[in-house]
Protein backbone atom coordinates (compact mmCIF):
# COMPACT_ATOMS: atom_id res chain seq x y z
CA MET A 1 -25.87 -2.08 -20.15
CA THR A 2 -28.88 -0.38 -18.35
CA GLU A 3 -29.20 3.27 -17.88
CA ASN A 4 -28.84 3.11 -14.12
CA THR A 5 -25.60 1.05 -14.50
CA LEU A 6 -24.17 3.45 -16.90
CA LYS A 7 -24.75 6.13 -14.58
CA ILE A 8 -22.94 4.26 -11.63
CA ASN A 9 -20.04 3.51 -13.91
CA LEU A 10 -19.70 7.28 -15.08
CA ALA A 11 -19.85 8.58 -11.51
CA TRP A 12 -16.07 9.75 -11.37
CA SER A 13 -15.68 11.83 -8.19
CA GLU A 14 -13.07 14.19 -6.82
CA GLU A 15 -12.46 11.18 -4.35
CA HIS A 16 -11.22 9.18 -7.28
CA ASP A 17 -8.85 12.17 -8.44
CA ALA A 18 -7.53 12.36 -4.89
CA PHE A 19 -6.99 8.65 -4.79
CA CYS A 20 -4.97 8.89 -7.94
CA TYR A 21 -2.94 11.86 -6.53
CA GLN A 22 -2.24 10.13 -3.26
CA HIS A 23 -1.07 6.98 -5.11
CA HIS A 24 0.84 8.67 -7.86
CA ILE A 25 -1.34 6.99 -10.57
CA CYS A 26 -0.47 8.74 -13.84
CA PRO A 27 -3.01 10.28 -16.09
CA ALA A 28 -2.79 7.52 -18.77
CA ALA A 29 -3.56 4.89 -15.89
CA LYS A 30 -6.39 7.18 -14.77
CA SER A 31 -7.91 7.26 -18.16
CA LEU A 32 -7.59 3.39 -18.42
CA TRP A 33 -9.32 3.11 -14.99
CA GLN A 34 -12.22 5.36 -16.20
CA TRP A 35 -12.43 3.31 -19.44
CA LEU A 36 -12.40 0.03 -17.76
CA SER A 37 -15.27 1.25 -15.41
CA ARG A 38 -17.46 2.00 -18.19
CA GLN A 39 -17.27 -1.63 -19.51
CA ALA A 40 -19.47 -3.22 -17.07
CA GLN A 41 -20.88 -2.76 -13.55
CA ILE A 42 -18.34 -2.19 -10.93
CA SER A 43 -17.13 -5.48 -9.13
CA ALA A 44 -18.66 -7.63 -11.79
CA GLU A 45 -16.12 -9.79 -13.91
CA ILE A 46 -15.25 -8.25 -17.41
CA GLU A 47 -12.94 -9.39 -20.28
CA PRO A 48 -11.34 -6.08 -21.69
CA ASP A 49 -9.24 -5.89 -24.51
CA LEU A 50 -6.41 -3.34 -24.08
CA ALA A 51 -6.08 -2.80 -27.80
CA GLU A 52 -9.69 -1.54 -27.84
CA PHE A 53 -8.52 1.00 -25.15
CA ASN A 54 -5.73 2.03 -27.09
CA ASN A 55 -7.90 2.55 -30.27
CA TRP A 56 -9.91 4.98 -28.10
CA VAL A 57 -6.77 6.64 -26.97
CA ALA A 58 -5.68 6.94 -30.43
CA LYS A 59 -9.07 8.80 -31.43
CA VAL A 60 -8.82 11.06 -28.59
CA ARG A 61 -4.94 11.91 -28.61
CA GLY A 62 -4.30 11.16 -32.18
CA LYS A 63 -1.83 8.34 -31.25
CA GLY A 64 -2.00 5.26 -29.16
CA TYR A 65 0.47 4.03 -26.38
CA SER A 66 3.23 1.60 -26.90
CA HIS A 67 2.86 -2.02 -26.07
CA ASN A 68 5.30 -1.56 -22.92
CA TYR A 69 3.43 1.64 -21.85
CA LEU A 70 0.09 -0.13 -21.86
CA LYS A 71 1.46 -2.76 -19.71
CA HIS A 72 3.04 -0.30 -17.37
CA ILE A 73 -0.25 1.69 -16.78
CA PHE A 74 -2.18 -1.49 -16.37
CA ASN A 75 0.34 -2.89 -13.67
CA GLN A 76 -0.02 0.51 -11.94
CA LEU A 77 -3.67 -0.21 -11.48
CA VAL A 78 -3.01 -3.78 -10.28
CA GLU A 79 -0.46 -2.59 -7.80
CA ASN A 80 -2.83 -0.16 -6.42
CA ARG A 81 -5.56 -2.67 -6.20
CA VAL A 82 -7.91 -0.90 -8.54
CA ILE A 83 -8.25 -3.91 -10.58
CA GLN A 84 -8.00 -7.56 -9.75
CA VAL A 85 -6.89 -9.94 -12.41
CA VAL A 86 -8.91 -13.22 -12.48
CA LYS A 87 -7.28 -14.65 -15.62
CA GLN A 88 -4.95 -13.72 -18.35
CA TYR A 89 -5.66 -14.80 -21.94
CA SER A 90 -2.71 -12.77 -23.40
CA TRP A 91 -0.56 -9.66 -22.71
CA LYS A 92 -3.75 -7.50 -23.58
CA ILE A 93 -6.88 -9.40 -22.81
CA PHE A 94 -7.73 -10.36 -19.23
CA LYS A 95 -10.66 -11.30 -17.04
CA LEU A 96 -10.67 -8.87 -14.22
CA LEU A 97 -12.73 -7.08 -11.53
CA VAL A 98 -12.68 -3.07 -11.13
CA ARG A 99 -12.99 -2.44 -7.49
CA PRO A 100 -15.20 0.27 -6.12
CA LEU A 101 -13.58 3.32 -4.67
CA GLU A 102 -15.00 2.44 -1.15
CA TRP A 103 -13.22 -0.85 -1.30
CA LEU A 104 -9.84 0.86 -1.85
CA LYS A 105 -10.02 2.96 1.27
CA PRO A 106 -8.06 1.81 4.23
CA PRO A 107 -10.44 -0.16 6.69
CA ARG A 108 -11.68 2.10 9.67
CA LYS A 109 -10.03 1.03 12.86
CA LYS A 110 -12.53 -0.56 15.25
CA ARG A 111 -12.76 0.56 18.86
CA GLU A 112 -11.00 -2.05 21.08
CA LYS A 113 -11.79 -2.66 24.67
CA LYS A 114 -8.96 -1.71 26.98
CA LEU A 115 -7.38 -4.41 29.09
CA HIS A 116 -4.83 -3.13 31.87
CA ASN A 117 -4.40 0.13 30.37
CA HIS A 118 -3.41 -1.45 26.98
CA VAL A 119 -5.10 -1.52 23.57
CA ALA A 120 -4.91 -4.48 21.35
CA PRO A 121 -2.78 -3.70 18.18
CA GLN A 122 -4.32 -3.09 14.99
CA HIS A 123 -3.41 -5.62 12.16
CA ASP A 124 -5.88 -4.45 9.38
CA THR A 125 -3.32 -2.11 7.78
CA HIS A 126 -0.64 -4.61 6.93
CA TRP A 127 -0.86 -7.79 4.87
CA VAL A 128 1.05 -10.40 2.59
CA GLU A 129 0.21 -9.85 -1.20
CA ARG A 130 1.03 -12.08 -4.23
CA TYR A 131 2.34 -10.10 -7.33
CA TRP A 132 4.12 -10.82 -10.74
CA VAL A 133 6.77 -9.34 -12.80
CA GLU A 134 6.86 -9.97 -16.60
CA ARG A 135 10.10 -10.74 -18.28
CA ALA A 136 10.57 -12.00 -21.92
CA GLU A 137 6.90 -12.42 -22.10
CA ASN A 138 6.69 -14.80 -19.11
CA LYS A 139 5.06 -14.20 -15.65
CA TYR A 140 7.07 -14.65 -12.44
CA TRP A 141 5.07 -14.59 -9.13
CA TYR A 142 6.42 -13.42 -5.84
CA TYR A 143 5.31 -12.55 -2.27
CA ARG A 144 5.69 -9.46 -0.46
CA TYR A 145 4.87 -7.81 2.88
CA CYS A 146 3.03 -4.57 2.73
CA TRP A 147 1.81 -2.11 5.28
CA MET A 148 0.20 1.38 5.29
CA ASP A 149 2.15 4.33 6.91
CA GLY A 150 -0.61 6.98 6.79
CA ARG A 151 -1.55 6.94 3.20
CA LYS A 152 1.75 5.49 1.77
CA LYS A 153 1.98 1.84 1.00
CA ASN A 154 5.35 0.22 1.86
CA ARG A 155 6.61 -3.19 0.79
CA VAL A 156 9.33 -5.83 1.65
CA TYR A 157 10.11 -8.64 -0.72
CA ILE A 158 9.71 -11.97 0.73
CA GLY A 159 10.46 -14.28 -2.30
CA SER A 160 9.23 -16.31 -5.16
CA VAL A 161 5.91 -18.39 -4.60
CA ASN A 162 7.95 -21.34 -6.02
CA SER A 163 10.45 -21.01 -3.10
CA PRO A 164 9.71 -23.34 -0.06
CA LYS A 165 11.74 -20.85 2.10
CA ALA A 166 9.52 -17.90 0.89
CA ARG A 167 6.39 -19.80 1.42
CA GLU A 168 7.64 -20.52 4.98
CA LYS A 169 8.60 -16.78 5.56
CA LYS A 170 5.20 -15.79 4.18
CA SER A 171 3.42 -18.07 6.71
CA ALA A 172 5.47 -16.78 9.43
CA VAL A 173 4.68 -13.08 8.49
CA GLU A 174 0.84 -14.00 8.40
CA SER A 175 1.36 -15.59 11.84
CA ALA A 176 3.11 -12.50 13.10
CA ILE A 177 0.30 -10.21 11.94
CA ALA A 178 -2.28 -12.60 13.55
CA ASP A 179 -0.41 -12.34 16.90
CA GLY A 180 -0.35 -8.56 16.76
CA GLN A 181 2.95 -7.86 15.85
CA THR A 182 3.60 -4.38 14.43
CA PRO A 183 4.91 -3.53 10.80
CA PRO A 184 8.33 -2.32 12.15
CA GLU A 185 8.78 -5.69 14.15
CA ILE A 186 7.90 -7.72 11.10
CA LYS A 187 10.01 -5.79 8.83
CA LYS A 188 12.86 -6.16 11.27
CA MET A 189 12.18 -9.91 11.38
CA LEU A 190 12.37 -10.06 7.56
CA ARG A 191 15.51 -7.82 6.88
CA GLY A 192 17.27 -9.72 9.72
CA ASN A 193 16.71 -13.07 7.99
CA LYS A 194 20.12 -14.20 6.52
CA ASP A 195 18.37 -16.62 4.28
CA GLY A 196 17.40 -13.93 1.80
CA GLY A 197 14.13 -12.41 3.56
CA TYR A 198 15.06 -9.02 2.07
CA SER A 199 16.75 -8.15 -0.94
CA PRO A 200 17.69 -4.62 -2.07
CA THR A 201 17.17 -5.73 -5.67
CA MET A 202 13.78 -7.32 -5.05
CA PRO A 203 11.74 -7.79 -8.23
CA THR A 204 9.12 -4.96 -8.56
CA LEU A 205 6.07 -4.32 -11.04
């Protein structure tokens, strides 16, 4: 690792602290983010071993984290898009990307040309994402609709990636976003779907 790269990776700022506070990222997950940032250049693929992070934690605090807590703080970074998993080799070894802070900020709204005193709706603050839940060491993948309300991220469960109905609903949501429908309209569409578009017991990370 070059000296310049090291300086970039260690450039933790007050903005990083603010992001952690705003998204309720716990101190342990924050430490994992900092540790991952030191492994390689930001946005470059790395293959960290969480056991090595835990060994470092044990040296600093006298005791490492439990298996389940390690997975919990890792998932917290995944959920907040701080890291993107490219490939998983085991429960503790991954190929992943650490995202730069600028990438995590909500995109700036572009000025829209007014037409008949109406402004084209913005649809860059809501999206469909794919996520996974681990049960009995097996991964289960799902879709959910997400949107930003200020700095708060909201979610509505769509369904399993293996479900044809869920894939249809995912396509319908993506079409609605492209057509300029608002998050309340799309949320109403999903929650009004009697085929199971919304479930109060939806899987979560």
